[in-house]
Amino acid sequence: MALIELTHVKKSYAQKKTAVHAVNDVSLQVEKGDIYGIVGYSGAGKSTLVRLLNGLELPTAGDVVINGQNILALKNKELRNFRKKIGMIFQHFNLLWSRTVIENIELPLELAGVKKAARRQKAKELVQLVGLEGREDAYPAQLSGGQKQRVGIARALANDPEILLCDEATSALDPQTTEEVLELLLSINKTLDLTIVLITHEMNVIRKICNKVAVMELGQIVEEGSVQAVFSNPQQAVTKRFVQQDLEPEEDPEELRQAFVRENPHGRLVTLTFTQDNANEPVISQAIRQFNIDVNVVYGKIQQTNEGSFGALTVLLTGETSEIDQAVAFFGSQQVAVEVIESGK
């Protein structure tokens, strides 16, 4: 049985004379131990969906079943107890500025009525887990963004939750700090066997630590599956946009392409798409050895996910037409997808 199971879930809000369907007929399953990413642009319904998972919002229709409990069947006290088993970290940390690091971490235990000595001991263990030794008595104003988020993570773990919900938890952080926080979440997932549901609009965050992903658009899940499968073969337009943004260079790719074509008008511009089965294979060098062609890399990236590599390279092939044709056929025989962008005159 899945740890989290949503079945035909809807959440609607009345707005003037119309209804806004923030979540519209969503079904998904999250298994114990997953790091499950939910990605979408602003307004896709991600944050509403995450609030349905911890009972802060109740569905208009459908069932939300967490660890065998349907949250619609829970009464007030049962719902409060249920929420203790779901930790939550936020984009803007939500720390109490008048409390020290260790006092912020103790807060959920204090609210739960845990005795002072026990909650202090637990908080010290969590300080070590998130790497904040020596900062226990610091106040939030004295911490960096990454340290504040580590406090938020430790606080979310105080009640030994079964599920950790992360709502845009790295959006306010710089790239280096984002990497560190993601590494911490990955470590916590493995060390505590903790299931994590991660809401984000950043595909690189999904790629780095998630094993499964759902793509949301206009309140619906339009694509889902393993991260490797979705990244290497996106089906929906919105998914293709996310993956392309993660792979394309910072420079304008169209300008790069046109510059190469102007300098090599008889070449053939193609995009080679690799999956985990061939991303680490030297197929380009093999093609150069077998056929009388030159290959210039215009742009592209090979990225890592938890399950392997994937990526795309846009290259310019030059040489005799028959040699280029054979090279393109060779790429296809190696399960490398080939898309011709522009063919020489």
Protein backbone atom coordinates (compact mmCIF):
# COMPACT_ATOMS: atom_id res chain seq x y z
CA MET A 1 0.00 0.00 0.00
CA ALA A 2 1.28 3.49 -0.88
CA LEU A 3 2.18 5.81 1.99
CA ILE A 4 0.36 8.68 0.24
CA GLU A 5 -2.55 8.07 -2.10
CA LEU A 6 -4.66 10.75 -3.77
CA THR A 7 -7.69 9.62 -5.77
CA HIS A 8 -9.53 12.04 -8.07
CA VAL A 9 -8.82 14.92 -5.70
CA LYS A 10 -10.28 18.35 -6.41
CA LYS A 11 -9.96 21.62 -4.53
CA SER A 12 -12.07 24.55 -5.67
CA TYR A 13 -12.45 28.09 -4.36
CA ALA A 14 -15.32 30.48 -4.96
CA GLN A 15 -14.10 33.71 -6.58
CA LYS A 16 -16.80 36.27 -7.25
CA LYS A 17 -19.25 34.42 -9.51
CA THR A 18 -16.87 31.71 -10.69
CA ALA A 19 -15.11 28.69 -9.17
CA VAL A 20 -11.32 28.43 -9.30
CA HIS A 21 -10.14 24.83 -9.58
CA ALA A 22 -6.74 24.99 -7.88
CA VAL A 23 -6.45 21.18 -7.93
CA ASN A 24 -8.50 19.45 -10.57
CA ASP A 25 -8.92 15.65 -10.53
CA VAL A 26 -5.44 14.69 -9.30
CA SER A 27 -4.55 11.07 -8.58
CA LEU A 28 -1.07 10.02 -7.46
CA GLN A 29 0.76 7.57 -5.21
CA VAL A 30 3.91 8.10 -3.16
CA GLU A 31 5.69 5.04 -1.80
CA LYS A 32 7.53 4.91 1.52
CA GLY A 33 11.10 6.18 1.09
CA ASP A 34 10.40 8.14 -2.10
CA ILE A 35 11.71 11.62 -2.74
CA TYR A 36 8.74 12.64 -4.83
CA GLY A 37 8.99 15.92 -6.72
CA ILE A 38 6.01 17.99 -7.84
CA VAL A 39 7.05 20.64 -10.37
CA GLY A 40 5.07 23.36 -12.09
CA TYR A 41 5.08 27.03 -12.89
CA SER A 42 3.41 29.63 -10.66
CA GLY A 43 -0.32 29.02 -10.41
CA ALA A 44 -0.10 25.34 -11.36
CA GLY A 45 -1.65 24.23 -8.04
CA LYS A 46 1.46 22.85 -6.33
CA SER A 47 1.15 24.66 -3.01
CA THR A 48 -2.57 23.86 -2.72
CA LEU A 49 -1.75 20.22 -3.34
CA VAL A 50 0.87 20.14 -0.58
CA ARG A 51 -1.61 21.70 1.89
CA LEU A 52 -4.02 18.88 1.08
CA LEU A 53 -1.37 16.39 2.14
CA ASN A 54 -1.08 17.72 5.69
CA GLY A 55 -4.74 18.52 6.22
CA LEU A 56 -4.35 22.31 6.18
CA GLU A 57 -6.81 22.18 3.28
CA LEU A 58 -9.55 19.60 2.82
CA PRO A 59 -10.48 18.42 -0.68
CA THR A 60 -13.68 19.56 -2.35
CA ALA A 61 -13.94 16.06 -3.82
CA GLY A 62 -11.91 12.87 -3.86
CA ASP A 63 -9.86 11.08 -1.21
CA VAL A 64 -6.53 11.93 0.45
CA VAL A 65 -5.24 8.83 2.24
CA ILE A 66 -2.03 9.14 4.26
CA ASN A 67 -0.61 5.93 5.74
CA GLY A 68 -4.04 4.30 5.54
CA GLN A 69 -5.91 7.26 7.09
CA ASN A 70 -8.42 9.22 5.04
CA ILE A 71 -8.01 12.78 6.31
CA LEU A 72 -11.67 13.56 5.61
CA ALA A 73 -12.60 11.06 8.34
CA LEU A 74 -10.40 12.68 11.01
CA LYS A 75 -11.93 14.84 13.74
CA ASN A 76 -10.20 17.87 15.33
CA LYS A 77 -7.94 16.06 17.83
CA GLU A 78 -7.25 13.22 15.40
CA LEU A 79 -6.29 15.74 12.73
CA ARG A 80 -3.89 17.52 15.10
CA ASN A 81 -2.22 14.23 16.00
CA PHE A 82 -2.07 13.29 12.33
CA ARG A 83 -0.27 16.55 11.47
CA LYS A 84 2.48 15.80 14.00
CA LYS A 85 3.62 12.97 11.73
CA ILE A 86 4.03 15.32 8.78
CA GLY A 87 6.93 17.78 8.90
CA MET A 88 6.91 20.96 6.82
CA ILE A 89 9.68 23.27 5.62
CA PHE A 90 9.04 26.54 3.83
CA GLN A 91 10.64 28.92 1.36
CA HIS A 92 11.06 31.74 3.89
CA PHE A 93 12.02 29.58 6.89
CA ASN A 94 9.19 30.79 9.24
CA LEU A 95 11.51 30.94 12.28
CA LEU A 96 10.73 32.84 15.49
CA TRP A 97 13.24 35.68 15.53
CA SER A 98 13.14 36.05 19.31
CA ARG A 99 14.23 32.43 19.83
CA THR A 100 17.65 30.86 19.43
CA VAL A 101 18.40 28.01 17.05
CA ILE A 102 17.86 25.33 19.67
CA GLU A 103 14.72 27.03 21.00
CA ASN A 104 13.25 27.16 17.49
CA ILE A 105 13.93 23.45 17.05
CA GLU A 106 12.31 22.71 20.44
CA LEU A 107 9.11 24.59 19.58
CA PRO A 108 7.05 21.67 18.15
CA LEU A 109 8.02 19.52 21.13
CA GLU A 110 7.09 22.31 23.53
CA LEU A 111 3.67 22.62 21.87
CA ALA A 112 3.27 18.84 22.14
CA GLY A 113 3.88 19.00 25.91
CA VAL A 114 7.25 17.23 25.93
CA LYS A 115 9.26 17.88 29.10
CA LYS A 116 12.09 20.40 28.92
CA ALA A 117 14.98 17.96 29.41
CA ALA A 118 13.65 15.55 26.78
CA ARG A 119 13.01 18.23 24.19
CA ARG A 120 16.44 19.80 24.78
CA GLN A 121 18.11 16.41 24.24
CA LYS A 122 16.13 15.84 21.04
CA ALA A 123 16.97 19.32 19.77
CA LYS A 124 20.69 18.71 20.38
CA GLU A 125 20.53 15.52 18.33
CA LEU A 126 18.84 17.39 15.50
CA VAL A 127 21.41 20.20 15.65
CA GLN A 128 24.06 17.57 14.96
CA LEU A 129 22.00 15.92 12.21
CA VAL A 130 21.66 19.16 10.23
CA GLY A 131 25.23 20.33 10.83
CA LEU A 132 24.65 23.34 13.10
CA GLU A 133 26.98 22.44 15.96
CA GLY A 134 28.26 25.61 17.63
CA ARG A 135 25.30 27.71 16.47
CA GLU A 136 22.77 26.48 19.04
CA ASP A 137 22.55 29.82 20.85
CA ALA A 138 22.54 32.03 17.76
CA TYR A 139 19.42 33.94 16.75
CA PRO A 140 17.97 33.76 13.20
CA ALA A 141 19.26 37.27 12.39
CA GLN A 142 22.80 35.95 12.95
CA LEU A 143 22.42 33.06 10.49
CA SER A 144 22.92 32.72 6.75
CA GLY A 145 20.01 31.65 4.54
CA GLY A 146 21.31 28.09 4.40
CA GLN A 147 21.68 27.93 8.18
CA LYS A 148 18.13 29.23 8.65
CA GLN A 149 16.82 26.52 6.36
CA ARG A 150 18.79 23.90 8.32
CA VAL A 151 17.01 25.12 11.45
CA GLY A 152 13.71 24.80 9.58
CA ILE A 153 14.57 21.24 8.58
CA ALA A 154 15.58 20.30 12.13
CA ARG A 155 12.36 21.79 13.53
CA ALA A 156 10.31 19.86 10.96
CA LEU A 157 11.97 16.63 12.16
CA ALA A 158 11.36 17.27 15.87
CA ASN A 159 8.23 15.09 16.11
CA ASP A 160 9.83 12.18 14.18
CA PRO A 161 7.55 12.63 11.16
CA GLU A 162 6.88 9.91 8.61
CA ILE A 163 6.64 12.45 5.77
CA LEU A 164 8.53 15.68 5.14
CA LEU A 165 6.84 18.26 2.90
CA CYS A 166 9.10 20.87 1.28
CA ASP A 167 7.29 23.84 -0.27
CA GLU A 168 9.82 25.72 -2.46
CA ALA A 169 12.39 25.05 0.28
CA THR A 170 15.39 26.18 -1.81
CA SER A 171 13.86 29.04 -3.80
CA ALA A 172 15.27 31.73 -1.51
CA LEU A 173 18.80 30.27 -1.53
CA ASP A 174 21.82 30.84 -3.77
CA PRO A 175 22.99 27.93 -5.98
CA GLN A 176 25.79 26.74 -3.69
CA THR A 177 23.56 26.79 -0.60
CA THR A 178 20.80 25.05 -2.58
CA GLU A 179 23.25 22.22 -3.34
CA GLU A 180 24.11 21.89 0.35
CA VAL A 181 20.47 21.82 1.47
CA LEU A 182 19.58 19.25 -1.20
CA GLU A 183 22.48 17.06 -0.09
CA LEU A 184 21.19 17.32 3.49
CA LEU A 185 17.67 16.29 2.42
CA LEU A 186 19.07 13.35 0.47
CA SER A 187 21.10 12.27 3.51
CA ILE A 188 18.05 12.56 5.79
CA ASN A 189 15.98 10.51 3.36
CA LYS A 190 18.54 7.71 3.47
CA THR A 191 19.46 7.93 7.17
CA LEU A 192 15.92 8.15 8.55
CA ASP A 193 14.12 6.32 5.69
CA LEU A 194 11.97 9.44 5.54
CA THR A 195 9.55 10.00 2.67
CA ILE A 196 9.93 13.48 1.16
CA VAL A 197 7.48 15.35 -1.07
CA LEU A 198 9.20 18.31 -2.68
CA ILE A 199 7.29 21.16 -4.34
CA THR A 200 9.33 23.35 -6.69
CA HIS A 201 9.39 25.26 -9.97
CA GLU A 202 13.08 24.41 -10.47
CA MET A 203 13.70 21.31 -12.57
CA ASN A 204 17.36 21.10 -11.46
CA VAL A 205 16.14 20.55 -7.87
CA ILE A 206 13.99 17.63 -9.05
CA ARG A 207 16.85 16.19 -11.07
CA LYS A 208 19.37 16.25 -8.24
CA ILE A 209 17.54 14.36 -5.50
CA CYS A 210 14.12 13.06 -6.56
CA ASN A 211 13.44 9.53 -7.79
CA LYS A 212 9.89 10.30 -9.03
CA VAL A 213 8.28 13.43 -10.42
CA ALA A 214 4.83 14.76 -11.28
CA VAL A 215 4.44 17.78 -13.56
CA MET A 216 1.49 20.07 -12.80
CA GLU A 217 -0.26 22.54 -15.05
CA LEU A 218 -3.56 24.35 -14.40
CA GLY A 219 -4.36 22.19 -11.38
CA GLN A 220 -3.76 18.87 -13.10
CA ILE A 221 -0.91 16.37 -13.25
CA VAL A 222 -0.05 16.24 -16.94
CA GLU A 223 2.93 13.89 -16.71
CA GLU A 224 4.50 11.67 -14.05
CA GLY A 225 6.96 8.83 -13.64
CA SER A 226 10.55 8.18 -12.69
CA VAL A 227 12.78 11.25 -12.97
CA GLN A 228 14.99 9.44 -15.48
CA ALA A 229 12.07 8.53 -17.74
CA VAL A 230 10.43 11.97 -17.62
CA PHE A 231 13.69 13.87 -18.18
CA SER A 232 14.96 11.67 -21.00
CA ASN A 233 11.66 11.52 -22.88
CA PRO A 234 9.28 14.36 -21.90
CA GLN A 235 5.86 14.07 -23.54
CA GLN A 236 3.99 17.27 -22.66
CA ALA A 237 4.87 20.78 -23.83
CA VAL A 238 5.25 22.10 -20.26
CA THR A 239 7.59 19.23 -19.35
CA LYS A 240 9.69 19.84 -22.45
CA ARG A 241 10.02 23.50 -21.42
CA PHE A 242 11.28 22.52 -17.96
CA VAL A 243 13.78 20.00 -19.31
CA GLN A 244 14.98 22.37 -22.05
CA GLN A 245 15.61 25.12 -19.51
CA ASP A 246 17.73 22.72 -17.49
CA LEU A 247 19.78 21.68 -20.53
CA GLU A 248 20.15 24.86 -22.57
CA PRO A 249 23.15 27.19 -22.14
CA GLU A 250 22.89 30.64 -20.60
CA GLU A 251 23.61 32.17 -24.02
CA ASP A 252 20.82 32.41 -26.59
CA PRO A 253 20.82 28.94 -28.25
CA GLU A 254 19.34 30.31 -31.48
CA GLU A 255 22.23 32.77 -31.82
CA LEU A 256 24.73 29.98 -31.20
CA ARG A 257 23.10 27.81 -33.84
CA GLN A 258 22.97 30.55 -36.44
CA ALA A 259 26.61 31.47 -35.85
CA PHE A 260 27.72 27.90 -36.56
CA VAL A 261 25.49 27.62 -39.64
CA ARG A 262 26.83 30.90 -41.09
CA GLU A 263 30.40 29.66 -40.70
CA ASN A 264 29.59 26.16 -42.02
CA PRO A 265 26.77 26.54 -44.58
CA HIS A 266 27.18 22.99 -45.90
CA GLY A 267 27.00 21.27 -42.52
CA ARG A 268 24.06 19.58 -40.85
CA LEU A 269 22.91 20.83 -37.44
CA VAL A 270 21.42 18.05 -35.30
CA THR A 271 20.44 17.51 -31.68
CA LEU A 272 21.51 14.20 -30.17
CA THR A 273 19.47 13.07 -27.15
CA PHE A 274 21.06 10.59 -24.77
CA THR A 275 19.53 8.43 -22.01
CA GLN A 276 21.01 6.50 -19.10
CA ASP A 277 21.73 3.60 -21.50
CA ASN A 278 24.10 5.58 -23.70
CA ALA A 279 24.95 8.90 -22.03
CA ASN A 280 28.35 7.60 -20.92
CA GLU A 281 29.16 5.86 -24.21
CA PRO A 282 31.70 7.46 -26.62
CA VAL A 283 29.30 7.40 -29.57
CA ILE A 284 30.50 10.71 -31.04
CA SER A 285 34.16 9.67 -31.08
CA GLN A 286 33.13 6.29 -32.56
CA ALA A 287 31.27 8.09 -35.35
CA ILE A 288 34.27 10.29 -36.11
CA ARG A 289 36.52 7.21 -36.38
CA GLN A 290 34.10 5.26 -38.57
CA PHE A 291 33.00 8.02 -40.94
CA ASN A 292 34.85 10.84 -42.68
CA ILE A 293 33.08 13.64 -40.78
CA ASP A 294 33.89 16.41 -38.34
CA VAL A 295 31.69 17.06 -35.30
CA ASN A 296 31.54 20.48 -33.64
CA VAL A 297 29.60 20.72 -30.37
CA VAL A 298 27.42 23.86 -30.47
CA TYR A 299 25.93 23.51 -26.97
CA GLY A 300 24.34 21.04 -24.62
CA LYS A 301 24.64 19.26 -21.32
CA ILE A 302 24.81 15.77 -19.93
CA GLN A 303 23.14 15.84 -16.52
CA GLN A 304 23.01 13.40 -13.62
CA THR A 305 19.90 12.12 -11.86
CA ASN A 306 19.76 9.61 -9.02
CA GLU A 307 19.17 6.86 -11.56
CA GLY A 308 21.81 7.75 -14.16
CA SER A 309 22.70 10.26 -16.85
CA PHE A 310 20.65 11.93 -19.57
CA GLY A 311 21.05 14.95 -21.77
CA ALA A 312 21.23 16.45 -25.23
CA LEU A 313 23.99 17.86 -27.40
CA THR A 314 23.41 20.06 -30.42
CA VAL A 315 26.25 19.41 -32.87
CA LEU A 316 27.26 20.47 -36.36
CA LEU A 317 28.18 17.59 -38.67
CA THR A 318 30.37 18.48 -41.68
CA GLY A 319 31.64 16.29 -44.51
CA GLU A 320 30.26 14.57 -47.58
CA THR A 321 26.48 14.13 -47.53
CA SER A 322 26.74 10.34 -47.75
CA GLU A 323 29.15 10.25 -44.79
CA ILE A 324 26.85 12.46 -42.69
CA ASP A 325 23.88 10.23 -43.59
CA GLN A 326 25.79 7.16 -42.41
CA ALA A 327 26.81 8.89 -39.18
CA VAL A 328 23.20 9.88 -38.46
CA ALA A 329 22.10 6.30 -39.08
CA PHE A 330 24.87 5.10 -36.75
CA PHE A 331 23.65 7.38 -33.95
CA GLY A 332 20.17 5.93 -34.35
CA SER A 333 21.54 2.38 -34.15
CA GLN A 334 23.08 3.31 -30.78
CA GLN A 335 19.64 4.37 -29.43
CA VAL A 336 20.61 8.04 -29.61
CA ALA A 337 17.66 10.12 -30.80
CA VAL A 338 18.56 12.45 -33.68
CA GLU A 339 16.65 15.62 -34.55
CA VAL A 340 17.80 17.56 -37.59
CA ILE A 341 17.67 21.28 -36.80
CA GLU A 342 19.05 22.57 -40.07
CA SER A 343 20.53 20.87 -43.10
CA GLY A 344 23.27 22.34 -45.28
CA LYS A 345 22.68 23.78 -48.70
